[in-house]
Amino acid sequence: MILEERNTSLFANKTNSYMEICRDSIWQSIRSSNGSIICSASGFIGNPKTNILQIIAYPDIESWQTSQGAWSSVENSLIKKETVRILRPIDSDSKSSISPEERKNIYEYQKFIIDPVYLNEFTTCFKESIYKNFESLGISFLGIWTLASSSNPLEIIQMTGYDNINHWEECRLQIFDTNNESDELWDREKALRDRLEEITIESSLTLVKSIVI
């Protein structure tokens, strides 16, 4: 599986026109190429509303290449700037498709920069300290990915879904609760989160608002 990350910055008042083209033709073409739309969202906190983020999963590079012609139907007058990157999952729980029940109103897009030598350790620390809380808190895990091409330092992207902004805030408080009574399990999770911070060179977080697919 590979994923396309498409970041599109639109000119003012062009969002509706752009999304109409996506719904009427592009997304149909993507699906006919065996692609699956994991997320389509607009800027909410950290980016303007005219920024559109789309994460699309494909079974292989050939399917992705077949789908690319569909984007030529978008008029240049709509787009100010666009970047397209190919990602690969670094964990088997990353989604290749999303059910209606798993789609949420708000998504967290988190980026980490690390040294490539720490990739396996980063994934383990994340899975055993943060990810393990997602299901009990009602968080929808979309995936954790890195660039398909090798790079140093390495960029890791993680996306999760929430019912609303209050749900997101409550979940962060629960996961990172420093007032939690100390016990062996919590102490281990905290140690793993601390290690995540140690091996992370830089991180950033934005929130995006789901677009109905």
Protein backbone atom coordinates (compact mmCIF):
# COMPACT_ATOMS: atom_id res chain seq x y z
CA MET A 1 0.00 0.00 0.00
CA ILE A 2 1.05 3.57 -0.73
CA LEU A 3 -0.67 6.84 0.06
CA GLU A 4 -0.93 10.14 -1.72
CA GLU A 5 -0.83 13.26 0.42
CA ARG A 6 -2.24 16.14 -1.61
CA ASN A 7 -2.07 19.62 -0.08
CA THR A 8 -3.93 22.20 -2.14
CA SER A 9 -4.01 25.92 -1.41
CA LEU A 10 -6.98 27.51 -3.19
CA PHE A 11 -7.67 31.08 -4.14
CA ALA A 12 -10.30 32.87 -2.05
CA ASN A 13 -13.92 31.77 -2.61
CA LYS A 14 -12.88 28.79 -4.76
CA THR A 15 -13.38 25.96 -2.25
CA ASN A 16 -16.93 25.07 -3.34
CA SER A 17 -15.95 24.95 -7.01
CA TYR A 18 -12.94 22.77 -6.27
CA MET A 19 -14.89 20.34 -4.09
CA GLU A 20 -17.64 20.09 -6.70
CA ILE A 21 -15.08 18.87 -9.25
CA CYS A 22 -13.70 16.39 -6.72
CA ARG A 23 -17.14 14.93 -5.98
CA ASP A 24 -18.41 14.90 -9.57
CA SER A 25 -15.40 13.37 -11.31
CA ILE A 26 -12.07 13.06 -9.52
CA TRP A 27 -13.14 10.86 -6.62
CA GLN A 28 -15.04 8.54 -9.00
CA SER A 29 -11.89 8.17 -11.09
CA ILE A 30 -9.81 7.48 -7.98
CA ARG A 31 -12.17 4.71 -6.91
CA SER A 32 -12.13 3.17 -10.38
CA SER A 33 -8.32 3.02 -10.03
CA ASN A 34 -8.73 1.08 -6.76
CA GLY A 35 -7.97 4.15 -4.68
CA SER A 36 -9.64 4.84 -1.33
CA ILE A 37 -10.12 8.33 0.11
CA ILE A 38 -8.88 8.15 3.69
CA CYS A 39 -9.39 11.83 4.46
CA SER A 40 -10.52 15.02 2.76
CA ALA A 41 -10.41 18.08 5.01
CA SER A 42 -10.03 21.85 5.07
CA GLY A 43 -7.85 24.00 7.31
CA PHE A 44 -9.24 24.62 10.80
CA ILE A 45 -6.53 25.44 13.35
CA GLY A 46 -3.03 26.09 12.04
CA ASN A 47 -3.98 26.53 8.37
CA PRO A 48 -6.54 28.68 6.50
CA LYS A 49 -9.87 27.22 5.37
CA THR A 50 -8.72 27.49 1.75
CA ASN A 51 -6.12 24.76 2.39
CA ILE A 52 -7.43 21.33 1.40
CA LEU A 53 -5.70 18.17 2.62
CA GLN A 54 -6.47 14.84 0.97
CA ILE A 55 -5.00 11.46 1.95
CA ILE A 56 -5.71 8.71 -0.58
CA ALA A 57 -4.64 5.05 -0.32
CA TYR A 58 -3.69 2.92 -3.33
CA PRO A 59 -2.71 -0.76 -3.46
CA ASP A 60 0.43 0.01 -5.50
CA ILE A 61 2.27 2.68 -7.49
CA GLU A 62 0.65 1.57 -10.76
CA SER A 63 -2.85 2.29 -9.40
CA TRP A 64 -1.68 5.70 -8.22
CA GLN A 65 -0.19 6.53 -11.64
CA THR A 66 -3.41 5.48 -13.39
CA SER A 67 -5.45 7.86 -11.23
CA GLN A 68 -3.37 10.97 -11.80
CA GLY A 69 -4.99 12.01 -15.06
CA ALA A 70 -8.21 12.82 -13.19
CA TRP A 71 -6.62 15.85 -11.53
CA SER A 72 -6.17 17.56 -14.91
CA SER A 73 -9.88 18.45 -14.78
CA VAL A 74 -9.18 21.04 -12.07
CA GLU A 75 -8.88 24.53 -13.52
CA ASN A 76 -5.62 26.37 -12.83
CA SER A 77 -7.66 29.43 -11.82
CA LEU A 78 -8.76 27.60 -8.65
CA ILE A 79 -5.35 26.59 -7.30
CA LYS A 80 -2.79 28.92 -5.81
CA LYS A 81 -0.30 26.19 -4.87
CA GLU A 82 -0.29 22.40 -4.66
CA THR A 83 2.11 19.75 -3.35
CA VAL A 84 1.76 16.00 -3.80
CA ARG A 85 3.80 13.47 -1.84
CA ILE A 86 3.88 9.68 -1.72
CA LEU A 87 3.78 8.13 1.74
CA ARG A 88 4.16 4.60 3.06
CA PRO A 89 2.72 3.20 6.30
CA ILE A 90 5.14 2.35 9.10
CA ASP A 91 2.59 0.37 11.09
CA SER A 92 0.20 -2.40 10.03
CA ASP A 93 -2.78 -0.71 11.73
CA SER A 94 -2.64 2.22 9.30
CA LYS A 95 -5.86 2.26 7.29
CA SER A 96 -6.17 1.26 3.64
CA SER A 97 -9.85 2.27 3.70
CA ILE A 98 -12.20 4.03 6.13
CA SER A 99 -15.73 2.98 7.04
CA PRO A 100 -18.45 5.63 7.57
CA GLU A 101 -18.33 4.90 11.32
CA GLU A 102 -14.61 5.68 11.44
CA ARG A 103 -14.94 9.09 9.80
CA LYS A 104 -14.86 12.01 12.23
CA ASN A 105 -15.56 15.76 12.12
CA ILE A 106 -12.10 16.90 13.23
CA TYR A 107 -8.69 15.42 12.37
CA GLU A 108 -5.35 15.97 14.03
CA TYR A 109 -2.42 16.10 11.61
CA GLN A 110 0.81 15.69 13.54
CA LYS A 111 4.30 15.80 12.07
CA PHE A 112 7.50 14.52 13.69
CA ILE A 113 11.08 14.93 12.49
CA ILE A 114 13.50 12.24 13.67
CA ASP A 115 16.82 10.61 12.80
CA PRO A 116 16.08 7.54 10.61
CA VAL A 117 18.01 5.27 13.00
CA TYR A 118 15.21 5.76 15.54
CA LEU A 119 12.31 4.78 13.26
CA ASN A 120 11.61 1.37 14.82
CA GLU A 121 11.99 2.72 18.34
CA PHE A 122 9.72 5.66 17.55
CA THR A 123 7.02 3.34 16.21
CA THR A 124 7.22 1.06 19.26
CA CYS A 125 7.06 3.96 21.73
CA PHE A 126 4.10 5.47 19.90
CA LYS A 127 2.18 2.19 19.74
CA GLU A 128 2.72 1.27 23.38
CA SER A 129 2.15 4.66 24.98
CA ILE A 130 -0.23 6.75 22.86
CA TYR A 131 -1.93 4.52 20.27
CA LYS A 132 -3.06 1.98 22.90
CA ASN A 133 -5.45 4.59 24.35
CA PHE A 134 -7.21 5.45 21.08
CA GLU A 135 -9.97 2.84 21.05
CA SER A 136 -11.09 3.42 24.65
CA LEU A 137 -11.25 7.18 24.05
CA GLY A 138 -13.25 6.91 20.81
CA ILE A 139 -10.37 8.19 18.67
CA SER A 140 -10.29 7.11 15.02
CA PHE A 141 -6.74 6.19 13.95
CA LEU A 142 -6.13 6.89 10.25
CA GLY A 143 -2.49 5.97 10.15
CA ILE A 144 1.13 6.74 10.79
CA TRP A 145 3.29 7.18 7.70
CA THR A 146 6.60 8.40 6.39
CA LEU A 147 7.77 9.53 2.96
CA ALA A 148 8.14 6.71 0.45
CA SER A 149 11.53 8.10 -0.58
CA SER A 150 14.39 7.92 1.91
CA SER A 151 15.41 11.13 3.67
CA ASN A 152 17.56 12.28 6.55
CA PRO A 153 16.17 13.57 8.83
CA LEU A 154 12.99 11.52 8.50
CA GLU A 155 9.48 12.96 8.53
CA ILE A 156 6.70 10.99 10.22
CA ILE A 157 3.01 11.91 9.87
CA GLN A 158 0.25 10.70 12.16
CA MET A 159 -3.48 11.39 11.75
CA THR A 160 -6.34 10.77 14.17
CA GLY A 161 -10.04 11.68 14.10
CA TYR A 162 -12.30 13.21 16.78
CA ASP A 163 -16.01 13.97 17.13
CA ASN A 164 -15.40 17.68 17.80
CA ILE A 165 -12.88 20.08 19.31
CA ASN A 166 -14.02 19.26 22.85
CA HIS A 167 -13.45 15.56 22.22
CA TRP A 168 -9.93 16.33 20.96
CA GLU A 169 -9.12 18.43 24.04
CA GLU A 170 -10.48 15.80 26.43
CA CYS A 171 -8.49 13.03 24.76
CA ARG A 172 -5.23 14.96 24.99
CA LEU A 173 -5.84 15.59 28.68
CA GLN A 174 -6.50 11.89 29.24
CA ILE A 175 -3.44 10.66 27.33
CA PHE A 176 -1.02 13.22 28.76
CA ASP A 177 -2.56 13.51 32.25
CA THR A 178 0.35 14.39 34.56
CA ASN A 179 -1.92 14.11 37.62
CA ASN A 180 -2.56 10.43 37.05
CA GLU A 181 -1.84 8.27 40.08
CA SER A 182 1.50 6.57 39.66
CA ASP A 183 1.43 2.84 38.95
CA GLU A 184 3.64 0.45 37.03
CA LEU A 185 1.64 0.62 33.78
CA TRP A 186 1.29 4.41 33.80
CA ASP A 187 4.96 4.86 34.70
CA ARG A 188 5.93 2.73 31.68
CA GLU A 189 3.67 4.71 29.34
CA LYS A 190 5.13 7.97 30.63
CA ALA A 191 8.67 6.67 30.13
CA LEU A 192 7.81 5.75 26.53
CA ARG A 193 6.26 9.18 25.89
CA ASP A 194 9.34 10.83 27.36
CA ARG A 195 11.51 8.75 25.04
CA LEU A 196 9.38 9.87 22.08
CA GLU A 197 10.15 13.46 22.99
CA GLU A 198 13.86 12.70 23.33
CA ILE A 199 14.22 11.22 19.85
CA THR A 200 12.00 13.82 18.17
CA ILE A 201 14.02 16.67 16.67
CA GLU A 202 10.96 18.77 15.86
CA SER A 203 7.19 18.36 15.86
CA SER A 204 4.13 20.32 14.75
CA LEU A 205 0.37 19.88 15.00
CA THR A 206 -2.58 21.24 13.04
CA LEU A 207 -6.29 20.48 13.11
CA VAL A 208 -8.38 20.10 9.97
CA LYS A 209 -12.14 19.90 9.49
CA SER A 210 -13.63 16.97 7.61
CA ILE A 211 -15.22 17.49 4.19
CA VAL A 212 -18.19 15.22 3.45
CA ILE A 213 -17.19 12.54 0.95
